[in-house]
Amino acid sequence: MADPLSRPTYKAFTERAPDVYAGLSALTKAVDASGLDKGLTELVKLRASQINGCAFCLKFHLGVARKAGVSQDKLDLLAAWRDAPAFSARERAALAYAEDLTQLEAEAASDAAWAALLKEFSEDEAVFLTVTIASINAWNRIGIALRFAPPA
């Protein structure tokens, strides 16, 4: 008899819910096709995953960020990005927006947050950045709920 507290692995999740996996993957593909910088979107995914405490997503996206050319300095300082000179104004705007949408406090997604974002991003880019943040938050919640082990 299976352990009633066991949860599906990442592989089992992709096999049991292939349409969900495909849908979430399609969001990433759409953002990538938009032309938004891959390194930037990976920093945003990593920051949201830090906030949410998703070890699986952190490990996964660290690898993707490195392949995208994100510097080790930025990866090392991401949790303290506000105090680190390594981040550009554009990255800072994206990270602030990611934190705003990930934490979803009463003032989340405020007009001020949107206006600050539009100082560094076009409206189209801001839409795709919003999709990036929404999709990583969905992945974080799935990974945490099912307790996915970080990839080797």
C-alpha atoms as a PDB file:
ATOM      1  CA  MET A   1       0.000   0.000   0.000  1.00  0.00           C
ATOM      2  CA  ALA A   2       1.343   3.437  -0.946  1.00  0.00           C
ATOM      3  CA  ASP A   3       2.163   5.927   1.772  1.00  0.00           C
ATOM      4  CA  PRO A   4      -0.935   8.188   2.003  1.00  0.00           C
ATOM      5  CA  LEU A   5       1.323  11.184   2.698  1.00  0.00           C
ATOM      6  CA  SER A   6       3.605  10.680  -0.296  1.00  0.00           C
ATOM      7  CA  ARG A   7       3.288  13.247  -3.027  1.00  0.00           C
ATOM      8  CA  PRO A   8       3.987  13.018  -6.735  1.00  0.00           C
ATOM      9  CA  THR A   9       7.501  13.752  -7.909  1.00  0.00           C
ATOM     10  CA  TYR A  10       8.098  16.403 -10.553  1.00  0.00           C
ATOM     11  CA  LYS A  11       8.299  13.654 -13.194  1.00  0.00           C
ATOM     12  CA  ALA A  12       5.050  12.096 -11.961  1.00  0.00           C
ATOM     13  CA  PHE A  13       3.374  15.521 -12.006  1.00  0.00           C
ATOM     14  CA  THR A  14       4.352  16.069 -15.647  1.00  0.00           C
ATOM     15  CA  GLU A  15       2.995  12.605 -16.518  1.00  0.00           C
ATOM     16  CA  ARG A  16      -0.246  12.909 -14.514  1.00  0.00           C
ATOM     17  CA  ALA A  17      -1.040  16.464 -15.592  1.00  0.00           C
ATOM     18  CA  PRO A  18       0.518  16.828 -19.048  1.00  0.00           C
ATOM     19  CA  ASP A  19      -1.901  19.547 -20.142  1.00  0.00           C
ATOM     20  CA  VAL A  20      -1.124  21.608 -17.039  1.00  0.00           C
ATOM     21  CA  TYR A  21       2.600  21.153 -17.618  1.00  0.00           C
ATOM     22  CA  ALA A  22       2.174  22.109 -21.283  1.00  0.00           C
ATOM     23  CA  GLY A  23       0.127  25.173 -20.344  1.00  0.00           C
ATOM     24  CA  LEU A  24       2.689  26.437 -17.861  1.00  0.00           C
ATOM     25  CA  SER A  25       5.496  25.721 -20.331  1.00  0.00           C
ATOM     26  CA  ALA A  26       3.597  27.634 -23.009  1.00  0.00           C
ATOM     27  CA  LEU A  27       3.638  30.735 -20.797  1.00  0.00           C
ATOM     28  CA  THR A  28       7.429  30.556 -20.596  1.00  0.00           C
ATOM     29  CA  LYS A  29       7.724  30.031 -24.358  1.00  0.00           C
ATOM     30  CA  ALA A  30       5.477  33.041 -25.007  1.00  0.00           C
ATOM     31  CA  VAL A  31       7.584  35.255 -22.746  1.00  0.00           C
ATOM     32  CA  ASP A  32      10.787  33.996 -24.387  1.00  0.00           C
ATOM     33  CA  ALA A  33       9.293  34.713 -27.836  1.00  0.00           C
ATOM     34  CA  SER A  34       8.373  38.246 -26.750  1.00  0.00           C
ATOM     35  CA  GLY A  35      12.032  39.235 -26.764  1.00  0.00           C
ATOM     36  CA  LEU A  36      12.167  40.095 -23.061  1.00  0.00           C
ATOM     37  CA  ASP A  37      15.726  39.435 -21.870  1.00  0.00           C
ATOM     38  CA  LYS A  38      16.084  35.844 -20.618  1.00  0.00           C
ATOM     39  CA  GLY A  39      18.568  36.837 -17.910  1.00  0.00           C
ATOM     40  CA  LEU A  40      16.122  39.417 -16.578  1.00  0.00           C
ATOM     41  CA  THR A  41      13.203  36.995 -16.518  1.00  0.00           C
ATOM     42  CA  GLU A  42      15.347  34.416 -14.733  1.00  0.00           C
ATOM     43  CA  LEU A  43      16.311  36.967 -12.054  1.00  0.00           C
ATOM     44  CA  VAL A  44      12.606  37.691 -11.555  1.00  0.00           C
ATOM     45  CA  LYS A  45      11.800  33.969 -11.281  1.00  0.00           C
ATOM     46  CA  LEU A  46      14.611  33.467  -8.804  1.00  0.00           C
ATOM     47  CA  ARG A  47      13.522  36.387  -6.636  1.00  0.00           C
ATOM     48  CA  ALA A  48       9.913  35.183  -6.504  1.00  0.00           C
ATOM     49  CA  SER A  49      11.151  31.679  -5.696  1.00  0.00           C
ATOM     50  CA  GLN A  50      13.311  33.058  -2.870  1.00  0.00           C
ATOM     51  CA  ILE A  51      10.310  34.860  -1.395  1.00  0.00           C
ATOM     52  CA  ASN A  52       8.120  31.772  -1.706  1.00  0.00           C
ATOM     53  CA  GLY A  53      10.814  29.391  -0.462  1.00  0.00           C
ATOM     54  CA  CYS A  54      10.659  26.978  -3.405  1.00  0.00           C
ATOM     55  CA  ALA A  55      13.930  25.026  -3.401  1.00  0.00           C
ATOM     56  CA  PHE A  56      13.019  23.138  -6.586  1.00  0.00           C
ATOM     57  CA  CYS A  57      12.432  26.340  -8.574  1.00  0.00           C
ATOM     58  CA  LEU A  58      15.506  28.030  -7.107  1.00  0.00           C
ATOM     59  CA  LYS A  59      17.787  25.186  -8.141  1.00  0.00           C
ATOM     60  CA  PHE A  60      16.176  24.870 -11.556  1.00  0.00           C
ATOM     61  CA  HIS A  61      16.257  28.582 -12.390  1.00  0.00           C
ATOM     62  CA  LEU A  62      19.797  29.075 -11.092  1.00  0.00           C
ATOM     63  CA  GLY A  63      20.895  26.683 -13.821  1.00  0.00           C
ATOM     64  CA  VAL A  64      18.831  28.469 -16.472  1.00  0.00           C
ATOM     65  CA  ALA A  65      20.099  31.879 -15.297  1.00  0.00           C
ATOM     66  CA  ARG A  66      23.709  30.746 -15.558  1.00  0.00           C
ATOM     67  CA  LYS A  67      23.085  29.436 -19.097  1.00  0.00           C
ATOM     68  CA  ALA A  68      21.498  32.802 -19.940  1.00  0.00           C
ATOM     69  CA  GLY A  69      24.688  34.553 -18.836  1.00  0.00           C
ATOM     70  CA  VAL A  70      23.551  36.065 -15.532  1.00  0.00           C
ATOM     71  CA  SER A  71      26.676  36.889 -13.532  1.00  0.00           C
ATOM     72  CA  GLN A  72      27.496  35.001 -10.372  1.00  0.00           C
ATOM     73  CA  ASP A  73      27.695  38.365  -8.590  1.00  0.00           C
ATOM     74  CA  LYS A  74      24.030  39.057  -9.352  1.00  0.00           C
ATOM     75  CA  LEU A  75      23.018  35.545  -8.331  1.00  0.00           C
ATOM     76  CA  ASP A  76      24.935  35.895  -5.063  1.00  0.00           C
ATOM     77  CA  LEU A  77      23.386  39.287  -4.257  1.00  0.00           C
ATOM     78  CA  LEU A  78      19.841  38.733  -5.490  1.00  0.00           C
ATOM     79  CA  ALA A  79      18.273  38.448  -2.030  1.00  0.00           C
ATOM     80  CA  ALA A  80      19.723  41.891  -1.203  1.00  0.00           C
ATOM     81  CA  TRP A  81      19.320  43.474  -4.643  1.00  0.00           C
ATOM     82  CA  ARG A  82      18.157  46.830  -3.254  1.00  0.00           C
ATOM     83  CA  ASP A  83      21.558  47.354  -1.605  1.00  0.00           C
ATOM     84  CA  ALA A  84      23.728  45.834  -4.335  1.00  0.00           C
ATOM     85  CA  PRO A  85      25.202  48.013  -7.089  1.00  0.00           C
ATOM     86  CA  ALA A  86      25.314  45.054  -9.505  1.00  0.00           C
ATOM     87  CA  PHE A  87      21.721  45.574 -10.685  1.00  0.00           C
ATOM     88  CA  SER A  88      20.663  48.004 -13.417  1.00  0.00           C
ATOM     89  CA  ALA A  89      17.699  50.363 -13.115  1.00  0.00           C
ATOM     90  CA  ARG A  90      15.751  48.053 -15.412  1.00  0.00           C
ATOM     91  CA  GLU A  91      16.527  45.001 -13.266  1.00  0.00           C
ATOM     92  CA  ARG A  92      15.617  46.915 -10.115  1.00  0.00           C
ATOM     93  CA  ALA A  93      12.256  47.911 -11.584  1.00  0.00           C
ATOM     94  CA  ALA A  94      11.532  44.303 -12.575  1.00  0.00           C
ATOM     95  CA  LEU A  95      12.584  42.927  -9.184  1.00  0.00           C
ATOM     96  CA  ALA A  96      10.495  45.486  -7.292  1.00  0.00           C
ATOM     97  CA  TYR A  97       7.481  44.591  -9.430  1.00  0.00           C
ATOM     98  CA  ALA A  98       8.123  40.862  -8.911  1.00  0.00           C
ATOM     99  CA  GLU A  99       8.196  41.356  -5.151  1.00  0.00           C
ATOM    100  CA  ASP A 100       5.019  43.444  -5.302  1.00  0.00           C
ATOM    101  CA  LEU A 101       3.089  40.783  -7.226  1.00  0.00           C
ATOM    102  CA  THR A 102       4.543  37.842  -5.301  1.00  0.00           C
ATOM    103  CA  GLN A 103       3.776  39.200  -1.841  1.00  0.00           C
ATOM    104  CA  LEU A 104       0.304  40.481  -2.827  1.00  0.00           C
ATOM    105  CA  GLU A 105      -0.240  42.796   0.066  1.00  0.00           C
ATOM    106  CA  ALA A 106      -3.152  45.213   0.161  1.00  0.00           C
ATOM    107  CA  GLU A 107      -1.311  47.722  -2.039  1.00  0.00           C
ATOM    108  CA  ALA A 108      -0.016  45.124  -4.521  1.00  0.00           C
ATOM    109  CA  ALA A 109      -0.297  45.960  -8.187  1.00  0.00           C
ATOM    110  CA  SER A 110      -0.845  49.605  -7.325  1.00  0.00           C
ATOM    111  CA  ASP A 111      -0.891  52.381  -9.892  1.00  0.00           C
ATOM    112  CA  ALA A 112       2.417  53.574  -8.428  1.00  0.00           C
ATOM    113  CA  ALA A 113       4.037  50.152  -8.949  1.00  0.00           C
ATOM    114  CA  TRP A 114       2.772  50.032 -12.537  1.00  0.00           C
ATOM    115  CA  ALA A 115       3.985  53.585 -13.234  1.00  0.00           C
ATOM    116  CA  ALA A 116       7.422  52.793 -11.784  1.00  0.00           C
ATOM    117  CA  LEU A 117       7.647  49.719 -14.001  1.00  0.00           C
ATOM    118  CA  LEU A 118       6.719  51.715 -17.111  1.00  0.00           C
ATOM    119  CA  LYS A 119       9.685  54.036 -16.527  1.00  0.00           C
ATOM    120  CA  GLU A 120      11.947  51.126 -17.540  1.00  0.00           C
ATOM    121  CA  PHE A 121       9.707  48.882 -19.674  1.00  0.00           C
ATOM    122  CA  SER A 122       7.299  49.323 -22.553  1.00  0.00           C
ATOM    123  CA  GLU A 123       3.705  48.369 -21.863  1.00  0.00           C
ATOM    124  CA  ASP A 124       4.154  45.179 -23.918  1.00  0.00           C
ATOM    125  CA  GLU A 125       7.255  44.253 -21.932  1.00  0.00           C
ATOM    126  CA  ALA A 126       5.401  44.942 -18.686  1.00  0.00           C
ATOM    127  CA  VAL A 127       2.624  42.575 -19.774  1.00  0.00           C
ATOM    128  CA  PHE A 128       5.119  39.778 -20.433  1.00  0.00           C
ATOM    129  CA  LEU A 129       6.919  40.520 -17.177  1.00  0.00           C
ATOM    130  CA  THR A 130       3.558  40.173 -15.410  1.00  0.00           C
ATOM    131  CA  VAL A 131       3.067  36.782 -17.090  1.00  0.00           C
ATOM    132  CA  THR A 132       6.562  35.729 -15.974  1.00  0.00           C
ATOM    133  CA  ILE A 133       5.783  36.601 -12.360  1.00  0.00           C
ATOM    134  CA  ALA A 134       2.389  34.901 -12.456  1.00  0.00           C
ATOM    135  CA  SER A 135       3.784  31.711 -13.970  1.00  0.00           C
ATOM    136  CA  ILE A 136       6.686  31.356 -11.531  1.00  0.00           C
ATOM    137  CA  ASN A 137       4.310  31.905  -8.633  1.00  0.00           C
ATOM    138  CA  ALA A 138       2.130  29.090 -10.011  1.00  0.00           C
ATOM    139  CA  TRP A 139       5.189  26.830 -10.326  1.00  0.00           C
ATOM    140  CA  ASN A 140       6.321  27.764  -6.800  1.00  0.00           C
ATOM    141  CA  ARG A 141       2.967  26.820  -5.350  1.00  0.00           C
ATOM    142  CA  ILE A 142       2.882  23.512  -7.236  1.00  0.00           C
ATOM    143  CA  GLY A 143       6.483  22.687  -6.303  1.00  0.00           C
ATOM    144  CA  ILE A 144       5.945  23.529  -2.644  1.00  0.00           C
ATOM    145  CA  ALA A 145       2.576  21.781  -2.383  1.00  0.00           C
ATOM    146  CA  LEU A 146       3.910  18.594  -3.962  1.00  0.00           C
ATOM    147  CA  ARG A 147       7.329  18.970  -2.278  1.00  0.00           C
ATOM    148  CA  PHE A 148       9.343  18.548  -5.456  1.00  0.00           C
ATOM    149  CA  ALA A 149      12.952  17.676  -4.673  1.00  0.00           C
ATOM    150  CA  PRO A 150      15.454  20.133  -6.156  1.00  0.00           C
ATOM    151  CA  PRO A 151      16.932  18.775  -9.395  1.00  0.00           C
ATOM    152  CA  ALA A 152      20.373  17.166  -9.211  1.00  0.00           C
END
